[in-house]
Protein backbone atom coordinates (compact mmCIF):
# COMPACT_ATOMS: atom_id res chain seq x y z
CA MET A 1 27.82 23.87 5.00
CA GLU A 2 24.88 21.52 5.41
CA ASN A 3 25.24 18.17 7.11
CA GLU A 4 25.15 15.56 4.33
CA HIS A 5 23.69 12.94 6.67
CA GLU A 6 20.52 14.92 7.35
CA ARG A 7 17.48 13.82 5.42
CA PRO A 8 15.95 16.58 3.37
CA THR A 9 12.56 17.55 4.66
CA THR A 10 9.64 17.09 2.35
CA PHE A 11 6.57 19.21 2.04
CA PHE A 12 4.23 16.22 2.14
CA ARG A 13 4.53 14.21 5.34
CA PHE A 14 3.73 10.87 3.66
CA GLU A 15 6.83 11.18 1.49
CA ASP A 16 8.89 10.58 4.64
CA LEU A 17 7.19 7.23 5.30
CA ARG A 18 9.05 4.08 4.23
CA ILE A 19 5.76 2.27 3.73
CA TYR A 20 4.70 4.86 1.15
CA HIS A 21 7.84 4.16 -0.89
CA LYS A 22 7.33 0.39 -0.54
CA ALA A 23 3.80 0.86 -1.88
CA LEU A 24 5.12 2.81 -4.89
CA GLU A 25 7.66 0.06 -5.54
CA TYR A 26 4.81 -2.46 -5.52
CA VAL A 27 2.83 -0.42 -8.05
CA ASN A 28 5.90 -0.45 -10.31
CA TRP A 29 6.22 -4.20 -9.78
CA VAL A 30 2.62 -4.74 -10.93
CA TYR A 31 3.28 -2.63 -14.03
CA GLU A 32 6.36 -4.74 -14.79
CA VAL A 33 4.54 -8.08 -14.55
CA ALA A 34 1.53 -6.92 -16.60
CA ARG A 35 3.02 -8.55 -19.69
CA ASN A 36 1.61 -6.46 -22.53
CA PRO A 37 -1.98 -7.66 -22.17
CA LYS A 38 -3.29 -5.43 -24.99
CA ASP A 39 -4.31 -8.37 -27.18
CA ASN A 40 -6.41 -9.97 -24.42
CA PRO A 41 -9.31 -7.88 -23.04
CA PHE A 42 -9.59 -10.10 -19.96
CA LEU A 43 -5.93 -9.52 -19.07
CA VAL A 44 -6.32 -5.78 -19.60
CA SER A 45 -9.27 -5.74 -17.21
CA PHE A 46 -7.52 -8.00 -14.70
CA PHE A 47 -4.34 -5.93 -14.53
CA GLU A 48 -6.34 -2.68 -14.36
CA ARG A 49 -8.02 -4.08 -11.24
CA PHE A 50 -4.65 -5.21 -9.88
CA LEU A 51 -3.19 -1.73 -10.45
CA THR A 52 -6.19 -0.09 -8.82
CA SER A 53 -5.65 -2.16 -5.69
CA ALA A 54 -1.89 -1.58 -5.70
CA ASN A 55 -2.40 2.16 -6.15
CA GLY A 56 -4.92 2.08 -3.30
CA ILE A 57 -2.17 1.19 -0.86
CA ALA A 58 -0.13 4.31 -1.61
CA LEU A 59 -3.16 6.56 -2.10
CA ASN A 60 -4.70 5.68 1.27
CA ILE A 61 -1.39 6.25 3.05
CA ALA A 62 -1.01 9.65 1.39
CA GLU A 63 -4.61 10.70 2.05
CA GLY A 64 -4.58 9.57 5.66
CA SER A 65 -1.33 11.31 6.49
CA SER A 66 -2.99 14.71 6.10
CA ARG A 67 -5.71 13.84 8.62
CA ASN A 68 -5.83 13.56 12.40
CA LYS A 69 -4.47 10.40 14.02
CA SER A 70 -7.85 8.70 14.24
CA GLN A 71 -8.53 9.28 10.56
CA PHE A 72 -4.97 8.31 9.63
CA VAL A 73 -5.53 4.95 11.35
CA TYR A 74 -8.75 4.55 9.33
CA TYR A 75 -6.92 5.22 6.05
CA LEU A 76 -4.08 2.88 7.03
CA LYS A 77 -6.68 0.16 7.60
CA MET A 78 -8.02 0.91 4.12
CA ALA A 79 -4.45 0.53 2.81
CA LYS A 80 -4.32 -2.88 4.52
CA SER A 81 -7.56 -3.78 2.75
CA SER A 82 -5.89 -2.91 -0.55
CA VAL A 83 -2.95 -5.13 0.42
CA ARG A 84 -5.37 -8.02 0.99
CA GLU A 85 -6.97 -7.37 -2.40
CA CYS A 86 -3.51 -7.61 -3.96
CA VAL A 87 -2.92 -10.94 -2.19
CA VAL A 88 -6.07 -12.34 -3.79
CA LEU A 89 -5.22 -10.86 -7.19
CA SER A 90 -1.69 -12.28 -6.97
CA SER A 91 -3.13 -15.71 -6.21
CA ILE A 92 -5.51 -15.49 -9.16
CA ALA A 93 -2.70 -14.27 -11.41
CA GLN A 94 -0.52 -17.21 -10.45
CA ALA A 95 -3.33 -19.76 -10.79
CA ARG A 96 -4.18 -18.45 -14.28
CA GLY A 97 -0.54 -18.33 -15.38
CA PHE A 98 -0.41 -14.53 -15.63
CA VAL A 99 2.62 -14.56 -13.30
CA ASN A 100 5.09 -17.33 -12.63
CA ALA A 101 5.84 -18.92 -9.25
CA ALA A 102 8.82 -16.65 -8.57
CA GLU A 103 6.78 -13.52 -9.33
CA PHE A 104 3.97 -14.77 -7.11
CA GLU A 105 6.40 -15.34 -4.21
CA ASP A 106 7.93 -11.89 -4.79
CA SER A 107 4.46 -10.33 -4.69
CA LYS A 108 3.48 -12.25 -1.56
CA ASN A 109 6.70 -11.26 0.24
CA ARG A 110 6.28 -7.59 -0.66
CA LEU A 111 2.66 -7.65 0.50
CA MET A 112 3.53 -9.37 3.80
CA GLU A 113 6.22 -6.77 4.46
CA MET A 114 3.82 -3.92 3.73
CA THR A 115 1.04 -5.29 5.93
CA LYS A 116 3.52 -5.65 8.81
CA MET A 117 4.77 -2.10 8.28
CA ILE A 118 1.24 -0.70 8.14
CA GLY A 119 0.31 -2.66 11.26
CA ALA A 120 3.33 -1.28 13.09
CA LEU A 121 2.44 2.27 12.05
CA ILE A 122 -1.15 1.77 13.21
CA GLY A 123 0.13 0.44 16.55
CA SER A 124 2.47 3.39 16.93
CA LEU A 125 -0.31 5.86 16.22
CA GLN A 126 -2.68 4.13 18.62
CA ARG A 127 -0.08 4.19 21.40
CA SER A 128 0.57 7.90 20.86
CA VAL A 129 -3.01 9.13 21.22
CA LYS A 130 -4.96 10.15 24.27
CA PRO A 131 -7.60 7.74 25.63
CA GLY A 132 -10.82 8.05 23.67
CA GLU A 133 -9.19 9.83 20.71
CA LEU A 134 -9.53 6.73 18.50
CA ASP A 135 -13.06 5.82 19.61
CA ASP A 136 -14.53 6.68 16.20
CA GLU A 137 -13.31 3.63 14.29
CA ASP A 138 -15.72 4.21 11.39
CA GLY A 139 -13.47 6.84 9.93
CA PRO A 140 -14.13 10.36 8.73
CA ASP A 141 -17.61 11.65 7.94
């Protein structure tokens, strides 16, 4: 009989990362607050951009996880860039009345949590590599 407390192993390494699941939750959050903008072309365009940035967080984590540590750090930094884009888009959304104050605070809190988690993962990866292994900070060719 299998131990019920063991986590099932996944085929894709990124599926084991909490930050990946947080990023997916954020994508779902953006979908939920995109209040049926079909009748307003500007809102459609705005929320498409917002979703692209939100998706970028999860996509960069997934892509980087299949690379070496140096490249993974590069992709995690790209995920942090997507987080920052979402901060700006959240601010614009609140200023334009596309989201209310509570939704803005929720977004900001989720984004702060994700940037801390990504930063911690980057730090962990950097501590676990040999000297010189992360010298190529420009990312993959």
